Protein backbone atom coordinates (compact mmCIF):
# COMPACT_ATOMS: atom_id res chain seq x y z
CA GLU A 1 346.26 68.87 98.01
CA SER A 2 349.54 67.16 98.55
CA ILE A 3 351.55 64.25 96.94
CA ILE A 4 353.20 61.89 99.43
CA CYS A 5 355.99 59.88 98.95
CA THR A 6 356.40 56.95 101.27
CA GLU A 7 358.75 54.71 99.29
CA ILE A 8 361.46 55.39 96.90
CA PRO A 9 362.83 53.66 93.93
CA TYR A 10 365.83 51.38 94.19
CA GLN A 11 369.26 53.00 94.33
CA THR A 12 367.52 56.58 94.68
CA ASN A 13 369.09 59.17 96.95
CA LYS A 14 366.07 60.89 98.63
CA ALA A 15 367.99 64.08 100.00
CA VAL A 16 369.80 64.72 96.72
CA GLN A 17 367.17 63.63 93.96
CA LEU A 18 363.63 63.66 95.54
CA VAL A 19 364.05 66.65 97.59
CA LYS A 20 366.86 68.92 96.23
CA GLY A 21 366.34 67.78 92.64
CA VAL A 22 362.69 68.35 92.72
CA ALA A 23 363.05 71.79 94.30
CA GLU A 24 365.57 72.68 91.20
CA LEU A 25 363.00 71.49 88.72
CA VAL A 26 360.38 73.68 90.15
CA ASN A 27 362.86 76.56 89.95
CA GLU A 28 363.43 75.79 86.46
CA LYS A 29 359.80 75.40 85.67
CA ARG A 30 360.04 71.96 84.25
CA VAL A 31 357.63 70.87 86.97
CA GLU A 32 354.89 73.22 87.55
CA GLY A 33 352.09 73.25 90.04
CA VAL A 34 354.46 72.41 93.12
CA SER A 35 354.46 75.11 96.06
CA ASP A 36 356.75 73.45 98.36
CA VAL A 37 358.86 70.32 99.06
CA ASN A 38 359.24 69.10 102.63
CA ASP A 39 361.05 65.97 104.10
CA TYR A 40 359.28 64.37 106.98
CA SER A 41 361.17 61.24 107.00
CA ASP A 42 362.33 59.85 110.18
CA ARG A 43 363.25 56.50 111.80
CA ASN A 44 359.35 55.30 111.28
CA GLY A 45 359.84 55.73 107.72
CA ILE A 46 360.29 57.72 104.44
CA ARG A 47 357.64 60.73 104.01
CA VAL A 48 358.42 63.33 101.48
CA VAL A 49 355.62 65.88 100.93
CA TYR A 50 354.99 67.88 97.66
CA ASP A 51 352.58 70.41 98.13
CA VAL A 52 350.42 71.20 95.05
CA LYS A 53 349.29 74.55 94.19
CA ARG A 54 345.35 75.31 94.59
CA GLU A 55 344.87 75.94 90.81
CA ALA A 56 347.02 72.87 89.85
CA MET A 57 345.76 69.29 89.03
CA GLY A 58 347.39 66.67 91.41
CA SER A 59 347.48 63.98 88.53
CA VAL A 60 349.23 66.32 86.20
CA VAL A 61 351.67 67.39 88.83
CA LEU A 62 352.49 63.63 89.67
CA ASN A 63 352.76 62.91 85.80
CA GLN A 64 355.55 65.34 85.83
CA LEU A 65 357.21 64.25 88.54
CA TYR A 66 357.32 60.83 87.14
CA LYS A 67 358.66 62.30 83.87
CA TYR A 68 361.25 64.57 84.92
CA SER A 69 362.31 63.33 88.57
CA ALA A 70 363.72 60.25 90.25
CA LEU A 71 360.45 59.54 91.68
CA GLN A 72 359.83 56.93 89.02
CA THR A 73 363.00 55.03 87.44
CA SER A 74 363.62 51.98 85.59
CA PHE A 75 366.46 49.41 85.32
CA SER A 76 367.41 46.76 82.77
CA VAL A 77 367.47 43.06 83.86
CA ASN A 78 369.82 41.00 81.76
CA ASN A 79 367.97 37.62 81.60
CA ILE A 80 370.89 35.21 79.88
CA ALA A 81 370.31 31.80 80.86
CA LEU A 82 371.75 28.37 79.53
CA VAL A 83 369.22 26.73 76.95
CA SER A 84 370.36 23.35 75.87
CA GLY A 85 373.81 24.17 76.83
CA ARG A 86 373.87 27.55 75.08
CA PRO A 87 373.78 30.95 76.40
CA MET A 88 370.41 32.74 75.36
CA LEU A 89 368.61 36.20 76.24
CA LEU A 90 365.44 35.37 77.42
CA GLY A 91 362.20 37.59 77.76
CA LEU A 92 359.75 36.52 80.59
CA LYS A 93 357.66 34.55 78.52
CA ALA A 94 360.60 32.61 77.11
CA MET A 95 361.87 32.12 80.83
CA ILE A 96 358.57 30.74 82.18
CA HIS A 97 358.43 28.49 79.07
CA HIS A 98 361.75 27.00 79.62
CA PHE A 99 361.23 26.46 83.31
CA VAL A 100 357.99 24.65 82.49
CA ASP A 101 359.83 22.46 80.21
CA HIS A 102 362.80 21.83 82.80
CA ARG A 103 360.11 21.05 85.46
CA MET A 104 358.59 18.65 82.96
CA ASP A 105 361.68 16.90 82.26
CA VAL A 106 362.28 16.73 86.05
CA VAL A 107 358.88 15.33 86.70
CA ILE A 108 359.54 12.53 83.76
CA ARG A 109 362.79 11.32 85.12
CA ARG A 110 361.68 11.19 88.71
CA THR A 111 358.62 9.56 87.44
CA LYS A 112 360.47 6.89 85.58
CA TYR A 113 362.96 6.42 88.49
CA ASP A 114 360.02 5.76 90.77
CA LEU A 115 358.33 3.48 88.34
CA ARG A 116 361.56 1.59 88.09
CA LYS A 117 361.90 1.10 91.90
CA ALA A 118 358.36 0.25 92.50
CA GLU A 119 358.37 -2.56 89.67
CA GLU A 120 361.45 -3.76 91.25
CA ARG A 121 359.92 -3.94 94.57
CA ALA A 122 356.77 -5.58 93.27
CA HIS A 123 358.84 -8.15 91.50
CA ILE A 124 360.39 -9.23 94.71
CA LEU A 125 357.04 -9.12 96.68
CA GLU A 126 355.56 -11.26 93.95
CA GLY A 127 358.34 -13.95 94.75
CA LEU A 128 357.66 -13.71 98.26
CA LEU A 129 353.84 -14.19 97.99
CA ILE A 130 354.72 -17.45 95.80
CA ALA A 131 356.90 -18.65 98.47
CA LEU A 132 354.24 -17.95 101.10
CA ASP A 133 351.45 -19.72 99.07
CA HIS A 134 353.81 -23.09 98.84
CA LEU A 135 355.59 -22.42 102.25
CA ASP A 136 355.81 -26.18 103.16
CA ALA A 137 357.58 -27.09 99.73
CA VAL A 138 359.93 -24.02 99.80
CA ILE A 139 361.29 -25.08 103.23
CA ALA A 140 361.70 -28.71 102.36
CA LEU A 141 363.66 -27.84 99.17
CA ILE A 142 365.80 -25.36 101.31
CA ARG A 143 366.45 -27.99 103.78
CA ALA A 144 367.22 -30.82 101.03
CA SER A 145 369.72 -28.36 99.63
CA GLN A 146 373.53 -28.69 100.39
CA THR A 147 374.41 -24.89 99.52
CA PRO A 148 372.61 -21.62 99.20
CA GLU A 149 373.59 -21.90 95.31
CA GLU A 150 371.76 -24.99 95.15
CA ALA A 151 368.82 -23.92 97.05
CA LYS A 152 368.45 -20.78 95.10
CA ASP A 153 368.81 -22.95 91.73
CA GLY A 154 365.96 -25.27 92.89
CA LEU A 155 363.75 -22.31 93.74
CA MET A 156 364.19 -20.89 90.23
CA GLY A 157 363.60 -24.29 88.50
CA GLN A 158 360.62 -25.40 90.57
CA PHE A 159 358.77 -22.12 90.87
CA ALA A 160 359.75 -20.28 87.92
CA LEU A 161 361.42 -17.58 89.91
CA SER A 162 364.03 -15.13 88.84
CA GLU A 163 367.38 -15.05 90.60
CA ILE A 164 366.37 -11.81 92.18
CA GLN A 165 363.32 -13.36 93.69
CA ALA A 166 364.91 -16.68 94.67
CA LYS A 167 367.69 -14.61 96.46
CA ALA A 168 365.18 -12.41 98.35
CA ILE A 169 363.39 -15.70 99.53
CA LEU A 170 366.72 -17.08 100.95
CA ASP A 171 367.32 -13.65 102.69
CA MET A 172 363.95 -13.56 104.05
CA ARG A 173 363.73 -13.83 108.13
CA LEU A 174 361.72 -16.35 109.66
CA GLN A 175 359.72 -13.97 111.54
CA ARG A 176 358.00 -12.79 108.11
CA LEU A 177 356.50 -16.29 107.89
CA THR A 178 353.79 -15.32 110.70
CA GLY A 179 350.23 -14.65 109.36
CA LEU A 180 350.45 -10.85 110.36
CA GLU A 181 353.68 -10.40 108.12
CA ARG A 182 352.05 -12.24 105.34
CA ASP A 183 349.23 -9.82 105.31
CA LYS A 184 351.65 -7.02 105.41
CA ILE A 185 353.31 -8.41 102.27
CA ARG A 186 350.21 -8.51 100.47
CA GLU A 187 349.04 -5.01 101.48
CA GLU A 188 352.25 -3.78 100.27
CA HIS A 189 352.15 -5.53 97.02
CA ALA A 190 348.61 -4.21 96.40
CA GLU A 191 349.71 -0.52 97.15
CA LEU A 192 352.57 -1.06 94.93
CA MET A 193 350.27 -1.96 91.99
CA LYS A 194 348.24 1.26 92.44
CA THR A 195 351.43 3.37 92.48
CA ILE A 196 352.58 1.65 89.42
CA ALA A 197 349.46 2.19 87.53
CA TYR A 198 349.48 5.78 88.69
CA LEU A 199 353.09 6.35 87.52
CA LYS A 200 352.52 5.00 84.15
CA GLU A 201 349.41 7.32 83.96
CA VAL A 202 351.58 10.29 84.48
CA LEU A 203 354.08 9.31 81.98
CA ALA A 204 351.38 8.72 79.43
CA ASP A 205 349.36 12.01 80.25
CA GLU A 206 350.89 15.48 79.81
CA GLY A 207 348.03 17.28 81.45
CA LEU A 208 348.64 15.23 84.54
CA ARG A 209 352.29 16.16 84.62
CA LEU A 210 351.20 19.79 84.18
CA LYS A 211 348.86 19.54 87.04
CA ILE A 212 351.74 18.23 89.23
CA ILE A 213 353.94 20.78 88.15
CA LYS A 214 351.46 23.38 89.15
CA ASP A 215 350.57 21.64 92.68
CA GLU A 216 354.26 21.37 93.56
CA THR A 217 354.66 25.02 92.56
CA LEU A 218 351.87 26.19 94.77
CA GLU A 219 353.42 23.88 97.59
CA VAL A 220 356.61 25.88 97.29
CA LYS A 221 354.61 29.11 97.60
CA GLU A 222 352.87 28.04 100.56
CA LYS A 223 355.80 26.87 102.38
CA TYR A 224 358.43 29.36 101.38
CA GLY A 225 356.47 32.51 99.99
CA ASP A 226 355.84 35.67 101.83
CA LYS A 227 353.98 38.75 101.20
CA ARG A 228 354.76 40.50 97.94
CA ARG A 229 356.68 43.62 98.25
CA THR A 230 356.25 45.14 94.85
CA GLN A 231 352.96 45.74 93.01
CA ILE A 232 352.08 44.60 89.59
CA ILE A 233 350.04 47.47 87.61
CA GLU A 234 349.02 47.68 84.18
CA ALA A 235 351.88 49.09 82.08
CA ARG A 236 351.55 52.92 81.71
CA GLY A 237 353.67 52.69 78.51
CA ASP A 238 355.53 56.08 77.33
CA MET A 239 354.33 59.34 79.02
CA ARG A 240 352.34 61.43 76.50
CA MET A 241 352.61 65.11 76.48
CA GLU A 242 348.88 65.44 77.50
CA ASP A 243 349.68 63.52 80.51
CA LEU A 244 351.88 66.19 81.72
CA ILE A 245 349.32 69.20 80.65
CA ALA A 246 345.97 70.12 82.65
CA ASP A 247 343.09 69.99 80.26
CA GLU A 248 342.04 73.43 81.22
CA ALA A 249 339.73 75.71 79.18
CA VAL A 250 341.60 78.14 77.12
CA VAL A 251 340.81 81.08 74.78
CA VAL A 252 342.50 80.69 71.35
CA THR A 253 342.76 83.83 69.10
CA ILE A 254 343.92 84.19 65.68
CA SER A 255 344.53 87.63 63.88
CA HIS A 256 343.88 88.60 60.18
CA LEU A 257 347.68 88.32 59.56
CA GLY A 258 347.85 84.59 61.13
CA TYR A 259 349.46 85.26 64.89
CA ILE A 260 347.89 82.67 67.13
CA LYS A 261 348.24 82.19 70.89
CA ARG A 262 346.24 80.62 73.65
CA THR A 263 345.21 82.18 76.71
CA ALA A 264 343.88 80.70 80.00
CA LEU A 265 340.36 81.35 80.33
CA THR A 266 340.77 82.45 83.94
CA GLU A 267 342.35 85.66 82.62
CA PHE A 268 339.12 86.94 81.14
CA ARG A 269 336.90 87.92 83.97
CA THR A 270 333.31 88.19 83.81
CA GLN A 271 331.89 91.74 83.53
CA GLY A 272 328.55 93.16 83.93
CA ARG A 273 326.38 94.90 81.19
CA GLY A 274 327.99 98.05 80.00
CA GLY A 275 331.45 97.12 80.76
CA VAL A 276 334.43 98.09 78.54
CA GLY A 277 335.60 94.66 77.96
CA SER A 278 339.00 92.97 78.27
CA LYS A 279 341.58 93.35 75.68
CA GLY A 280 341.96 89.79 74.08
CA SER A 281 345.30 90.26 72.17
CA THR A 282 347.97 93.00 70.99
CA THR A 283 348.22 93.50 67.10
CA ARG A 284 349.84 95.75 64.87
CA ASP A 285 348.31 98.79 63.22
CA GLU A 286 347.36 97.07 60.05
CA ASP A 287 346.11 93.65 61.66
CA PHE A 288 343.09 92.74 63.73
CA LEU A 289 341.34 90.04 65.62
CA GLU A 290 339.70 87.62 63.41
CA HIS A 291 339.08 84.34 65.05
CA LEU A 292 338.45 83.72 68.74
CA PHE A 293 336.98 80.57 70.35
CA VAL A 294 337.02 78.83 73.77
CA ALA A 295 338.90 75.24 73.75
CA THR A 296 340.57 72.89 76.04
CA ASN A 297 344.34 72.18 75.88
CA HIS A 298 343.62 68.61 75.04
CA ASN A 299 341.50 69.69 71.95
CA TYR A 300 342.70 69.20 68.29
CA LEU A 301 343.03 72.00 66.06
CA LEU A 302 342.45 71.45 62.27
CA VAL A 303 344.22 74.13 60.12
CA PHE A 304 342.80 74.43 56.40
CA THR A 305 344.73 76.53 53.76
CA GLN A 306 343.32 78.27 50.80
CA ASN A 307 344.85 75.66 48.63
CA GLY A 308 342.89 72.78 50.19
CA LYS A 309 345.38 71.48 52.55
CA VAL A 310 344.74 70.61 56.26
CA PHE A 311 347.15 70.55 59.05
CA TRP A 312 346.61 69.08 62.64
CA MET A 313 347.78 70.25 65.86
CA ARG A 314 347.12 69.81 69.60
CA VAL A 315 345.74 73.03 71.25
CA PHE A 316 348.55 72.61 73.90
CA ASP A 317 351.00 73.03 71.05
CA ILE A 318 349.75 76.72 70.31
CA PRO A 319 352.27 79.11 72.07
CA GLU A 320 350.76 80.37 75.30
CA GLY A 321 350.51 83.82 76.18
CA ASN A 322 348.68 86.64 78.22
CA ARG A 323 345.98 88.82 76.88
CA GLN A 324 348.51 91.61 75.90
CA SER A 325 350.81 89.33 73.97
CA LYS A 326 350.71 89.27 70.18
CA GLY A 327 350.97 85.40 69.54
CA ARG A 328 353.18 83.56 67.07
CA ALA A 329 352.83 83.31 63.27
CA ILE A 330 350.88 80.49 62.18
CA GLN A 331 353.57 79.72 59.38
CA ASN A 332 356.16 78.64 62.38
CA LEU A 333 353.65 75.97 63.44
CA VAL A 334 352.63 74.45 60.09
CA GLN A 335 354.73 73.80 56.92
CA LEU A 336 352.84 76.19 54.42
CA GLU A 337 353.86 76.00 50.81
CA GLY A 338 354.89 79.12 49.14
CA GLY A 339 352.08 81.54 48.43
CA ASP A 340 349.58 79.31 50.42
CA LYS A 341 347.99 80.85 53.53
CA VAL A 342 345.57 79.68 56.32
CA VAL A 343 341.78 80.63 55.80
CA ALA A 344 339.98 78.42 58.22
CA TYR A 345 340.23 76.48 61.69
CA LEU A 346 338.23 73.91 63.26
CA ASN A 347 338.23 73.18 67.02
CA VAL A 348 337.87 69.30 67.55
CA ASP A 349 337.15 67.52 70.84
CA ASP A 350 338.65 64.40 69.93
CA LEU A 351 340.15 62.60 67.15
CA THR A 352 341.11 59.22 68.54
CA SER A 353 337.46 58.08 69.23
CA ALA A 354 336.19 55.99 66.65
CA ASP A 355 332.40 56.79 67.49
CA TYR A 356 333.14 60.38 67.45
CA VAL A 357 335.18 60.74 64.16
CA ASN A 358 332.62 58.48 62.42
CA ASN A 359 329.61 60.30 63.38
CA HIS A 360 330.94 64.00 62.57
CA PHE A 361 331.72 65.67 59.37
CA VAL A 362 333.89 68.51 57.88
CA VAL A 363 332.06 70.60 55.15
CA LEU A 364 334.14 72.84 53.27
CA CYS A 365 333.28 75.68 50.74
CA THR A 366 335.31 77.51 48.10
CA LYS A 367 335.06 81.02 46.80
CA LYS A 368 333.51 79.42 43.46
CA GLY A 369 330.53 77.74 45.29
CA VAL A 370 331.79 74.22 45.33
CA ILE A 371 330.84 72.31 48.43
CA LYS A 372 332.07 69.10 50.05
CA LYS A 373 331.34 66.84 52.92
CA THR A 374 333.83 64.54 54.27
CA THR A 375 333.75 62.39 57.37
CA LEU A 376 336.12 63.67 60.13
CA GLU A 377 337.70 60.21 60.40
CA ALA A 378 339.31 61.05 57.19
CA TYR A 379 341.38 63.99 58.78
CA SER A 380 342.37 61.80 61.96
CA ARG A 381 345.73 60.66 60.63
CA PRO A 382 347.99 63.59 60.39
CA ARG A 383 351.27 64.02 58.65
CA ALA A 384 353.82 66.86 59.34
CA ASN A 385 353.46 68.40 55.88
CA GLY A 386 349.93 68.24 55.90
CA ILE A 387 347.20 66.33 53.83
CA ILE A 388 344.98 67.14 51.03
CA ALA A 389 341.59 68.20 52.36
CA VAL A 390 339.75 69.15 49.09
CA GLY A 391 340.71 69.24 45.42
CA ILE A 392 340.76 72.99 44.44
CA ARG A 393 340.18 73.66 40.71
CA GLU A 394 342.22 76.28 38.94
CA GLY A 395 341.32 79.87 39.73
CA ASP A 396 339.28 79.02 42.90
CA GLU A 397 340.40 78.63 46.60
CA LEU A 398 339.06 77.37 49.84
CA LEU A 399 336.90 79.74 51.94
CA GLU A 400 335.41 78.22 54.96
CA ALA A 401 335.48 74.80 56.90
CA LYS A 402 332.64 73.74 59.28
CA LEU A 403 332.33 70.81 61.83
CA THR A 404 328.91 69.16 61.68
CA THR A 405 327.02 65.84 63.04
CA GLY A 406 325.42 65.39 59.45
CA ASN A 407 321.90 67.11 60.55
CA SER A 408 322.88 70.58 59.73
CA HIS A 409 321.47 73.13 57.35
CA ILE A 410 323.93 74.88 55.15
CA ILE A 411 323.86 78.52 54.16
CA LEU A 412 325.96 80.17 51.56
CA ALA A 413 326.09 83.84 50.89
CA SER A 414 327.80 85.72 47.72
CA SER A 415 329.31 89.09 47.44
CA ASP A 416 326.21 90.03 45.05
CA GLY A 417 324.03 89.85 48.59
CA ARG A 418 322.40 86.48 47.46
CA ALA A 419 322.20 83.27 49.70
CA VAL A 420 321.36 79.81 49.22
CA HIS A 421 319.98 77.56 51.96
CA PHE A 422 319.72 73.39 51.69
CA GLU A 423 320.14 70.68 54.03
CA GLU A 424 323.50 69.08 54.59
CA LYS A 425 322.09 65.40 54.12
CA ASP A 426 321.56 66.48 50.26
CA VAL A 427 325.44 66.51 49.99
CA ARG A 428 326.91 63.16 50.05
CA PRO A 429 330.10 62.28 51.84
CA MET A 430 333.31 62.28 49.45
CA GLY A 431 336.86 61.19 49.96
CA ARG A 432 339.58 63.86 50.96
CA SER A 433 340.92 64.41 47.71
CA ALA A 434 337.49 65.04 45.99
CA SER A 435 336.74 68.39 44.55
CA GLY A 436 333.11 68.52 45.81
CA VAL A 437 329.90 69.39 44.00
CA ARG A 438 328.25 72.96 43.20
CA GLY A 439 326.53 74.28 46.33
CA MET A 440 325.75 77.78 44.92
CA ASN A 441 325.39 79.04 41.32
CA LEU A 442 327.12 82.24 40.93
CA GLU A 443 326.50 82.50 37.25
CA GLY A 444 324.21 85.68 36.30
CA GLY A 445 325.89 87.84 39.07
CA SER A 446 328.58 90.46 38.72
CA GLU A 447 331.91 89.66 37.20
CA ASN A 448 333.63 89.37 40.55
CA ASN A 449 330.76 87.65 42.39
CA GLU A 450 332.02 84.89 44.62
CA VAL A 451 331.01 83.25 47.80
CA ILE A 452 332.14 85.21 50.96
CA GLY A 453 330.61 83.15 53.79
CA MET A 454 329.14 79.78 54.99
CA ILE A 455 327.23 78.94 57.97
CA ALA A 456 326.11 75.49 59.48
CA VAL A 457 323.17 75.39 61.81
CA ASP A 458 322.09 72.06 63.35
CA ASN A 459 318.70 70.99 62.58
CA ALA A 460 317.62 71.03 66.13
CA GLU A 461 318.43 74.60 66.66
CA LEU A 462 317.04 76.02 63.25
CA ALA A 463 313.82 77.36 64.54
CA SER A 464 315.63 79.30 67.47
CA ARG A 465 318.48 80.77 65.47
CA GLN A 466 318.59 83.90 63.51
CA ILE A 467 320.95 85.26 61.10
CA LEU A 468 322.63 88.80 61.36
CA VAL A 469 324.22 89.91 57.88
CA VAL A 470 326.39 93.02 57.93
CA SER A 471 327.67 94.80 54.48
CA GLU A 472 331.08 96.00 53.84
CA ASN A 473 329.73 99.65 54.49
CA GLY A 474 328.49 98.58 58.15
CA TYR A 475 324.82 98.04 57.07
CA GLY A 476 323.25 95.05 58.90
CA LYS A 477 319.99 92.87 58.82
CA ARG A 478 318.73 90.40 61.15
CA SER A 479 316.44 87.80 59.86
């Protein structure tokens, strides 16, 4: 797979920024997944090829190139224009608004001018038509007049003409007295009256003026427009971190002392029955691996503490390590208060989908047997210093957290070897800060009796699932 660049951004130096610059980014590991960069550009055009590694995703590599190289650049446009004689900084919408206002003003002024000229011409033609209708009387009046001024006054007085009309009659050439010319005058007058009616309609109807503006704009486009040289695409917005990271499957491991890491699932090869297994993590002598689950880089991790707080992180934020590395202390990733410690983790596929978070629940259990159910939606808006997951009563602490669909069966087990089984639907959803309800009665047991574990089994899997119980001394029982 290759990424081929055939066009470069404005004012970008291909050799320096897109070839040498990208090679440096690859060497610095800021851009991962590129195996080679080659420039095949010639007189026929630009062609820079970025070869993508076999295990890498081309879309992720392209996003990294957009983010860190000059393959995608932006430059500012300072849209300052004079609005009513004052300079103003305009956005695209405001520019279009003022342009339409300007075109509207142009159409109105032009229409008023055309209307005035048409009415002036119609006025003259009306005078000529009067003269043609009384041709013999007009000729006799003109022949009887001693001067042009006397003739003009006579026409104005006898036929109720204006000075402009009378002057036009006196200036009329004799050839216009023919029948053909008389018909032309009548046709011109009729057309002018239609034009005047249309121009008055334009001045009275804003919608018609907008149609004229649209038609004239399209006319300019047809006459002078050429093929667009840039593409208009949906705004990408700011590049998110997940756009730069492939959504690959990883193994998340957490030790008893709280060291966490993620390792690519591909590092754990499949083994046959009887294999010795692969080492998942290196721990201190007093530490051991306590949690292991498979997730993807774009998943979410909810981290619950014994004091009832929950923290939120993306799986790709967990430090990456190989199978032999120890990982990083969870205290360096979340802001734990003094004396508090992490006791439970939930791997969540999505916290942004309204359908997903409203149809999943978080079931919490404390050592004193208190249980609480809350919709996952309540945990979808994180804060850097965490949020309250459950109100913990004095002398109690959070033990376990489970993600359910609302149709699970809950089993709680105590240190005295007792267990209680009930349906999740028997527990009503509560708010985040609520303390919960009693899930298991520990009275009547030993002094130090407490809940030591909780499991949640989906109703559809209940008949096919079995429970394995192991005691502190290593005795086990399957039921």
